[in-house]
Amino acid sequence: MLHSLNDRDKVFRQSRVLTIICVIGMAAVSLFSMSYVYSGMREQSQVVYALIGEDAVQLGAVDVLDNRPVEAHSHVKLFHRHLFQLDPDREVIDRNINAALSISDNSVQAIVDTYEEDSYYRNLITGNISQTIETDSIQLDMSLDPYYFKYIGTLTITRPTSTLTRSLVSEGYFRNVQRSKLNPHGFLIEQFRILENEDLRVEKRYN
């Protein structure tokens, strides 16, 4: 009888040890799984994609925060190209203006409305005038949100008989928004204004 009780006690102790081992093992597996999933999500959040055509292409696993100033510089440059790179074609003008408006607030819409009221875009079409923009420098201050930018560039206005060069200095702010096909950098331009837009020189195209 005593021998039977000892056997039962031994089996009970073995079962308890086995149960504790199983619980510890399951807890270890759960912790490892959670750590693996978190690590994967963290790595995925650091991956930057670029839109090429209609495809999102992975550029590499980098620290997104470290890359934001580069993206901000590109965003400001792209915005100015959309807004000021124009040809005497209504479809081209509308496409570029709509692209600029999709990444900016009402301050840009007000400027576009003023140009429309002054027949600026219509005069480009009727006068066969093209307008291109060249970036000289972009100053960024990303120490505070919303971020600040100052753009310095040159406008070249090509008419049938002459080329007019104008200065362009602008400033504004931008903040983080969700990325999309229309806004791959994930920034929104705000409080945009033109500080300077003066004639620099006029050159004849033909002698």
C-alpha atoms as a PDB file:
ATOM      1  CA  MET A   1       0.000   0.000   0.000  1.00  0.00           C
ATOM      2  CA  LEU A   2       2.790   2.389   0.945  1.00  0.00           C
ATOM      3  CA  HIS A   3       4.658   1.455  -2.227  1.00  0.00           C
ATOM      4  CA  SER A   4       1.538   2.291  -4.312  1.00  0.00           C
ATOM      5  CA  LEU A   5       1.196   5.699  -2.632  1.00  0.00           C
ATOM      6  CA  ASN A   6       4.864   6.451  -3.326  1.00  0.00           C
ATOM      7  CA  ASP A   7       4.383   5.540  -6.985  1.00  0.00           C
ATOM      8  CA  ARG A   8       1.337   7.803  -7.239  1.00  0.00           C
ATOM      9  CA  ASP A   9       3.232  10.662  -5.588  1.00  0.00           C
ATOM     10  CA  LYS A  10       6.137  10.137  -7.955  1.00  0.00           C
ATOM     11  CA  VAL A  11       3.828  10.148 -10.977  1.00  0.00           C
ATOM     12  CA  PHE A  12       2.093  13.283  -9.670  1.00  0.00           C
ATOM     13  CA  ARG A  13       5.430  15.072  -9.249  1.00  0.00           C
ATOM     14  CA  GLN A  14       6.515  14.027 -12.725  1.00  0.00           C
ATOM     15  CA  SER A  15       3.196  15.221 -14.184  1.00  0.00           C
ATOM     16  CA  ARG A  16       3.540  18.552 -12.405  1.00  0.00           C
ATOM     17  CA  VAL A  17       7.095  19.027 -13.662  1.00  0.00           C
ATOM     18  CA  LEU A  18       5.999  18.088 -17.174  1.00  0.00           C
ATOM     19  CA  THR A  19       3.087  20.548 -16.983  1.00  0.00           C
ATOM     20  CA  ILE A  20       5.370  23.358 -15.800  1.00  0.00           C
ATOM     21  CA  ILE A  21       7.817  22.595 -18.623  1.00  0.00           C
ATOM     22  CA  CYS A  22       4.977  22.685 -21.174  1.00  0.00           C
ATOM     23  CA  VAL A  23       3.656  25.997 -19.831  1.00  0.00           C
ATOM     24  CA  ILE A  24       7.117  27.545 -19.903  1.00  0.00           C
ATOM     25  CA  GLY A  25       7.681  26.210 -23.410  1.00  0.00           C
ATOM     26  CA  MET A  26       4.363  27.619 -24.669  1.00  0.00           C
ATOM     27  CA  ALA A  27       5.107  30.986 -23.061  1.00  0.00           C
ATOM     28  CA  ALA A  28       8.546  31.032 -24.711  1.00  0.00           C
ATOM     29  CA  VAL A  29       7.048  30.193 -28.095  1.00  0.00           C
ATOM     30  CA  SER A  30       4.400  32.922 -27.671  1.00  0.00           C
ATOM     31  CA  LEU A  31       6.994  35.532 -26.697  1.00  0.00           C
ATOM     32  CA  PHE A  32       9.204  34.543 -29.627  1.00  0.00           C
ATOM     33  CA  SER A  33       6.262  34.752 -32.040  1.00  0.00           C
ATOM     34  CA  MET A  34       5.237  38.183 -30.747  1.00  0.00           C
ATOM     35  CA  SER A  35       8.815  39.432 -30.986  1.00  0.00           C
ATOM     36  CA  TYR A  36       9.148  38.102 -34.534  1.00  0.00           C
ATOM     37  CA  VAL A  37       5.897  39.733 -35.671  1.00  0.00           C
ATOM     38  CA  TYR A  38       6.817  43.079 -34.039  1.00  0.00           C
ATOM     39  CA  SER A  39      10.266  42.991 -35.638  1.00  0.00           C
ATOM     40  CA  GLY A  40       8.717  42.324 -39.048  1.00  0.00           C
ATOM     41  CA  MET A  41       6.222  45.165 -38.656  1.00  0.00           C
ATOM     42  CA  ARG A  42       8.985  47.530 -37.564  1.00  0.00           C
ATOM     43  CA  GLU A  43      11.147  46.628 -40.557  1.00  0.00           C
ATOM     44  CA  GLN A  44       8.174  47.037 -42.886  1.00  0.00           C
ATOM     45  CA  SER A  45       7.455  50.510 -41.502  1.00  0.00           C
ATOM     46  CA  GLN A  46      11.005  51.527 -42.382  1.00  0.00           C
ATOM     47  CA  VAL A  47      10.732  50.518 -46.018  1.00  0.00           C
ATOM     48  CA  VAL A  48      10.421  53.373 -48.511  1.00  0.00           C
ATOM     49  CA  TYR A  49       8.559  52.939 -51.777  1.00  0.00           C
ATOM     50  CA  ALA A  50       8.699  55.043 -54.930  1.00  0.00           C
ATOM     51  CA  LEU A  51       5.944  55.234 -57.500  1.00  0.00           C
ATOM     52  CA  ILE A  52       7.268  54.437 -60.965  1.00  0.00           C
ATOM     53  CA  GLY A  53       4.384  54.576 -63.380  1.00  0.00           C
ATOM     54  CA  GLU A  54       1.637  52.685 -61.587  1.00  0.00           C
ATOM     55  CA  ASP A  55       3.917  50.370 -59.635  1.00  0.00           C
ATOM     56  CA  ALA A  56       5.238  50.845 -56.106  1.00  0.00           C
ATOM     57  CA  VAL A  57       8.932  49.936 -56.096  1.00  0.00           C
ATOM     58  CA  GLN A  58      10.782  49.219 -52.857  1.00  0.00           C
ATOM     59  CA  LEU A  59      13.857  51.394 -52.538  1.00  0.00           C
ATOM     60  CA  GLY A  60      15.273  49.573 -49.535  1.00  0.00           C
ATOM     61  CA  ALA A  61      14.920  49.193 -45.791  1.00  0.00           C
ATOM     62  CA  VAL A  62      16.069  52.581 -44.511  1.00  0.00           C
ATOM     63  CA  ASP A  63      15.104  54.801 -41.657  1.00  0.00           C
ATOM     64  CA  VAL A  64      12.148  56.781 -43.004  1.00  0.00           C
ATOM     65  CA  LEU A  65      12.801  59.693 -40.682  1.00  0.00           C
ATOM     66  CA  ASP A  66      16.356  59.995 -41.999  1.00  0.00           C
ATOM     67  CA  ASN A  67      15.027  60.069 -45.554  1.00  0.00           C
ATOM     68  CA  ARG A  68      12.307  62.694 -44.969  1.00  0.00           C
ATOM     69  CA  PRO A  69      14.483  65.774 -45.715  1.00  0.00           C
ATOM     70  CA  VAL A  70      15.412  64.247 -49.072  1.00  0.00           C
ATOM     71  CA  GLU A  71      11.751  63.550 -49.806  1.00  0.00           C
ATOM     72  CA  ALA A  72      10.791  67.058 -48.659  1.00  0.00           C
ATOM     73  CA  HIS A  73      13.321  68.626 -51.043  1.00  0.00           C
ATOM     74  CA  SER A  74      11.971  66.507 -53.892  1.00  0.00           C
ATOM     75  CA  HIS A  75       8.367  67.325 -52.946  1.00  0.00           C
ATOM     76  CA  VAL A  76       8.915  71.105 -52.977  1.00  0.00           C
ATOM     77  CA  LYS A  77      10.738  70.886 -56.306  1.00  0.00           C
ATOM     78  CA  LEU A  78       8.005  68.690 -57.806  1.00  0.00           C
ATOM     79  CA  PHE A  79       5.266  71.031 -56.577  1.00  0.00           C
ATOM     80  CA  HIS A  80       6.868  74.053 -58.263  1.00  0.00           C
ATOM     81  CA  ARG A  81       7.366  72.123 -61.466  1.00  0.00           C
ATOM     82  CA  HIS A  82       3.682  71.164 -61.520  1.00  0.00           C
ATOM     83  CA  LEU A  83       2.575  74.728 -60.823  1.00  0.00           C
ATOM     84  CA  PHE A  84       4.908  76.611 -63.171  1.00  0.00           C
ATOM     85  CA  GLN A  85       5.985  74.178 -65.922  1.00  0.00           C
ATOM     86  CA  LEU A  86       3.396  75.064 -68.581  1.00  0.00           C
ATOM     87  CA  ASP A  87       2.917  74.771 -72.338  1.00  0.00           C
ATOM     88  CA  PRO A  88       0.366  76.397 -74.676  1.00  0.00           C
ATOM     89  CA  ASP A  89      -1.995  73.439 -74.340  1.00  0.00           C
ATOM     90  CA  ARG A  90      -5.075  73.494 -72.110  1.00  0.00           C
ATOM     91  CA  GLU A  91      -4.804  69.779 -71.358  1.00  0.00           C
ATOM     92  CA  VAL A  92      -1.182  70.112 -70.249  1.00  0.00           C
ATOM     93  CA  ILE A  93      -1.977  73.176 -68.139  1.00  0.00           C
ATOM     94  CA  ASP A  94      -4.950  71.503 -66.441  1.00  0.00           C
ATOM     95  CA  ARG A  95      -2.994  68.315 -65.773  1.00  0.00           C
ATOM     96  CA  ASN A  96      -0.064  70.163 -64.189  1.00  0.00           C
ATOM     97  CA  ILE A  97      -2.237  72.542 -62.172  1.00  0.00           C
ATOM     98  CA  ASN A  98      -4.403  69.692 -60.861  1.00  0.00           C
ATOM     99  CA  ALA A  99      -1.265  67.806 -59.835  1.00  0.00           C
ATOM    100  CA  ALA A 100      -0.074  70.875 -57.880  1.00  0.00           C
ATOM    101  CA  LEU A 101      -3.484  71.353 -56.252  1.00  0.00           C
ATOM    102  CA  SER A 102      -3.607  67.703 -55.162  1.00  0.00           C
ATOM    103  CA  ILE A 103      -0.583  68.241 -52.885  1.00  0.00           C
ATOM    104  CA  SER A 104      -1.417  71.725 -51.553  1.00  0.00           C
ATOM    105  CA  ASP A 105      -4.060  73.680 -49.659  1.00  0.00           C
ATOM    106  CA  ASN A 106      -6.372  76.570 -50.590  1.00  0.00           C
ATOM    107  CA  SER A 107      -3.526  79.090 -50.655  1.00  0.00           C
ATOM    108  CA  VAL A 108      -2.408  77.596 -53.976  1.00  0.00           C
ATOM    109  CA  GLN A 109      -5.972  77.431 -55.259  1.00  0.00           C
ATOM    110  CA  ALA A 110      -6.268  81.191 -54.614  1.00  0.00           C
ATOM    111  CA  ILE A 111      -3.166  81.867 -56.733  1.00  0.00           C
ATOM    112  CA  VAL A 112      -4.469  79.675 -59.549  1.00  0.00           C
ATOM    113  CA  ASP A 113      -7.846  81.448 -59.411  1.00  0.00           C
ATOM    114  CA  THR A 114      -6.105  84.834 -59.683  1.00  0.00           C
ATOM    115  CA  TYR A 115      -4.136  83.654 -62.727  1.00  0.00           C
ATOM    116  CA  GLU A 116      -7.366  82.410 -64.304  1.00  0.00           C
ATOM    117  CA  GLU A 117      -9.116  85.730 -63.671  1.00  0.00           C
ATOM    118  CA  ASP A 118      -6.187  87.591 -65.217  1.00  0.00           C
ATOM    119  CA  SER A 119      -6.376  85.281 -68.282  1.00  0.00           C
ATOM    120  CA  TYR A 120      -2.803  84.187 -67.652  1.00  0.00           C
ATOM    121  CA  TYR A 121      -3.320  80.607 -68.807  1.00  0.00           C
ATOM    122  CA  ARG A 122      -5.456  81.691 -71.762  1.00  0.00           C
ATOM    123  CA  ASN A 123      -2.718  84.079 -72.882  1.00  0.00           C
ATOM    124  CA  LEU A 124      -0.190  81.232 -72.791  1.00  0.00           C
ATOM    125  CA  ILE A 125      -2.370  79.263 -75.183  1.00  0.00           C
ATOM    126  CA  THR A 126      -3.279  82.075 -77.569  1.00  0.00           C
ATOM    127  CA  GLY A 127       0.267  83.452 -77.598  1.00  0.00           C
ATOM    128  CA  ASN A 128       1.962  80.042 -78.062  1.00  0.00           C
ATOM    129  CA  ILE A 129       4.002  80.670 -74.924  1.00  0.00           C
ATOM    130  CA  SER A 130       5.845  77.995 -72.938  1.00  0.00           C
ATOM    131  CA  GLN A 131       7.046  78.385 -69.372  1.00  0.00           C
ATOM    132  CA  THR A 132       9.758  76.317 -67.703  1.00  0.00           C
ATOM    133  CA  ILE A 133      11.250  76.494 -64.232  1.00  0.00           C
ATOM    134  CA  GLU A 134      14.797  75.879 -63.013  1.00  0.00           C
ATOM    135  CA  THR A 135      15.501  75.284 -59.330  1.00  0.00           C
ATOM    136  CA  ASP A 136      18.408  77.266 -57.880  1.00  0.00           C
ATOM    137  CA  SER A 137      18.055  76.324 -54.202  1.00  0.00           C
ATOM    138  CA  ILE A 138      15.575  75.031 -51.645  1.00  0.00           C
ATOM    139  CA  GLN A 139      15.891  75.901 -47.960  1.00  0.00           C
ATOM    140  CA  LEU A 140      14.167  73.630 -45.438  1.00  0.00           C
ATOM    141  CA  ASP A 141      13.519  73.910 -41.730  1.00  0.00           C
ATOM    142  CA  MET A 142      12.157  70.628 -40.385  1.00  0.00           C
ATOM    143  CA  SER A 143      12.822  71.307 -36.718  1.00  0.00           C
ATOM    144  CA  LEU A 144       9.155  72.139 -36.074  1.00  0.00           C
ATOM    145  CA  ASP A 145       5.924  70.794 -37.546  1.00  0.00           C
ATOM    146  CA  PRO A 146       4.562  72.237 -39.825  1.00  0.00           C
ATOM    147  CA  TYR A 147       7.865  72.438 -41.658  1.00  0.00           C
ATOM    148  CA  TYR A 148       9.053  75.542 -43.500  1.00  0.00           C
ATOM    149  CA  PHE A 149      10.530  75.899 -46.981  1.00  0.00           C
ATOM    150  CA  LYS A 150      11.895  78.709 -49.121  1.00  0.00           C
ATOM    151  CA  TYR A 151      12.270  78.144 -52.839  1.00  0.00           C
ATOM    152  CA  ILE A 152      14.551  80.128 -55.160  1.00  0.00           C
ATOM    153  CA  GLY A 153      14.338  79.494 -58.872  1.00  0.00           C
ATOM    154  CA  THR A 154      14.220  80.952 -62.355  1.00  0.00           C
ATOM    155  CA  LEU A 155      11.323  81.053 -64.794  1.00  0.00           C
ATOM    156  CA  THR A 156      11.996  80.993 -68.520  1.00  0.00           C
ATOM    157  CA  ILE A 157       9.068  82.221 -70.600  1.00  0.00           C
ATOM    158  CA  THR A 158       9.521  81.364 -74.269  1.00  0.00           C
ATOM    159  CA  ARG A 159       7.497  83.476 -76.702  1.00  0.00           C
ATOM    160  CA  PRO A 160       7.514  83.142 -80.525  1.00  0.00           C
ATOM    161  CA  THR A 161      10.099  85.946 -80.909  1.00  0.00           C
ATOM    162  CA  SER A 162      11.742  86.338 -77.487  1.00  0.00           C
ATOM    163  CA  THR A 163      12.694  84.640 -74.227  1.00  0.00           C
ATOM    164  CA  LEU A 164      11.941  86.306 -70.907  1.00  0.00           C
ATOM    165  CA  THR A 165      13.780  85.236 -67.765  1.00  0.00           C
ATOM    166  CA  ARG A 166      12.134  85.962 -64.415  1.00  0.00           C
ATOM    167  CA  SER A 167      13.155  85.356 -60.841  1.00  0.00           C
ATOM    168  CA  LEU A 168      10.905  83.256 -58.599  1.00  0.00           C
ATOM    169  CA  VAL A 169      11.162  83.238 -54.832  1.00  0.00           C
ATOM    170  CA  SER A 170       8.428  81.566 -52.812  1.00  0.00           C
ATOM    171  CA  GLU A 171       7.865  80.233 -49.324  1.00  0.00           C
ATOM    172  CA  GLY A 172       5.400  78.138 -47.429  1.00  0.00           C
ATOM    173  CA  TYR A 173       4.920  75.283 -45.005  1.00  0.00           C
ATOM    174  CA  PHE A 174       4.251  71.594 -45.389  1.00  0.00           C
ATOM    175  CA  ARG A 175       3.087  68.794 -43.120  1.00  0.00           C
ATOM    176  CA  ASN A 176       2.936  65.021 -43.139  1.00  0.00           C
ATOM    177  CA  VAL A 177      -0.079  63.299 -44.704  1.00  0.00           C
ATOM    178  CA  GLN A 178      -0.700  59.773 -45.955  1.00  0.00           C
ATOM    179  CA  ARG A 179       1.101  58.706 -49.095  1.00  0.00           C
ATOM    180  CA  SER A 180      -0.926  58.074 -52.229  1.00  0.00           C
ATOM    181  CA  LYS A 181      -0.474  57.704 -55.971  1.00  0.00           C
ATOM    182  CA  LEU A 182      -0.992  61.466 -56.361  1.00  0.00           C
ATOM    183  CA  ASN A 183       1.156  62.271 -53.340  1.00  0.00           C
ATOM    184  CA  PRO A 184       3.972  59.687 -53.133  1.00  0.00           C
ATOM    185  CA  HIS A 185       6.060  61.778 -50.713  1.00  0.00           C
ATOM    186  CA  GLY A 186       3.251  62.184 -48.184  1.00  0.00           C
ATOM    187  CA  PHE A 187       3.475  65.978 -47.728  1.00  0.00           C
ATOM    188  CA  LEU A 188       0.880  68.746 -48.077  1.00  0.00           C
ATOM    189  CA  ILE A 189       1.947  72.300 -49.026  1.00  0.00           C
ATOM    190  CA  GLU A 190       0.309  74.998 -46.874  1.00  0.00           C
ATOM    191  CA  GLN A 191       0.318  78.817 -46.661  1.00  0.00           C
ATOM    192  CA  PHE A 192       2.109  79.118 -49.991  1.00  0.00           C
ATOM    193  CA  ARG A 193       3.006  82.580 -51.259  1.00  0.00           C
ATOM    194  CA  ILE A 194       5.189  84.117 -53.931  1.00  0.00           C
ATOM    195  CA  LEU A 195       7.733  86.577 -52.503  1.00  0.00           C
ATOM    196  CA  GLU A 196       9.388  87.674 -55.740  1.00  0.00           C
ATOM    197  CA  ASN A 197       8.637  87.310 -59.428  1.00  0.00           C
ATOM    198  CA  GLU A 198      10.594  89.957 -61.320  1.00  0.00           C
ATOM    199  CA  ASP A 199      11.913  90.325 -64.872  1.00  0.00           C
ATOM    200  CA  LEU A 200      15.646  89.656 -65.158  1.00  0.00           C
ATOM    201  CA  ARG A 201      16.342  89.852 -68.877  1.00  0.00           C
ATOM    202  CA  VAL A 202      14.750  89.602 -72.329  1.00  0.00           C
ATOM    203  CA  GLU A 203      16.529  87.983 -75.237  1.00  0.00           C
ATOM    204  CA  LYS A 204      15.519  87.814 -78.897  1.00  0.00           C
ATOM    205  CA  ARG A 205      15.124  84.297 -80.243  1.00  0.00           C
ATOM    206  CA  TYR A 206      15.899  85.223 -83.846  1.00  0.00           C
ATOM    207  CA  ASN A 207      18.149  87.889 -85.343  1.00  0.00           C
END
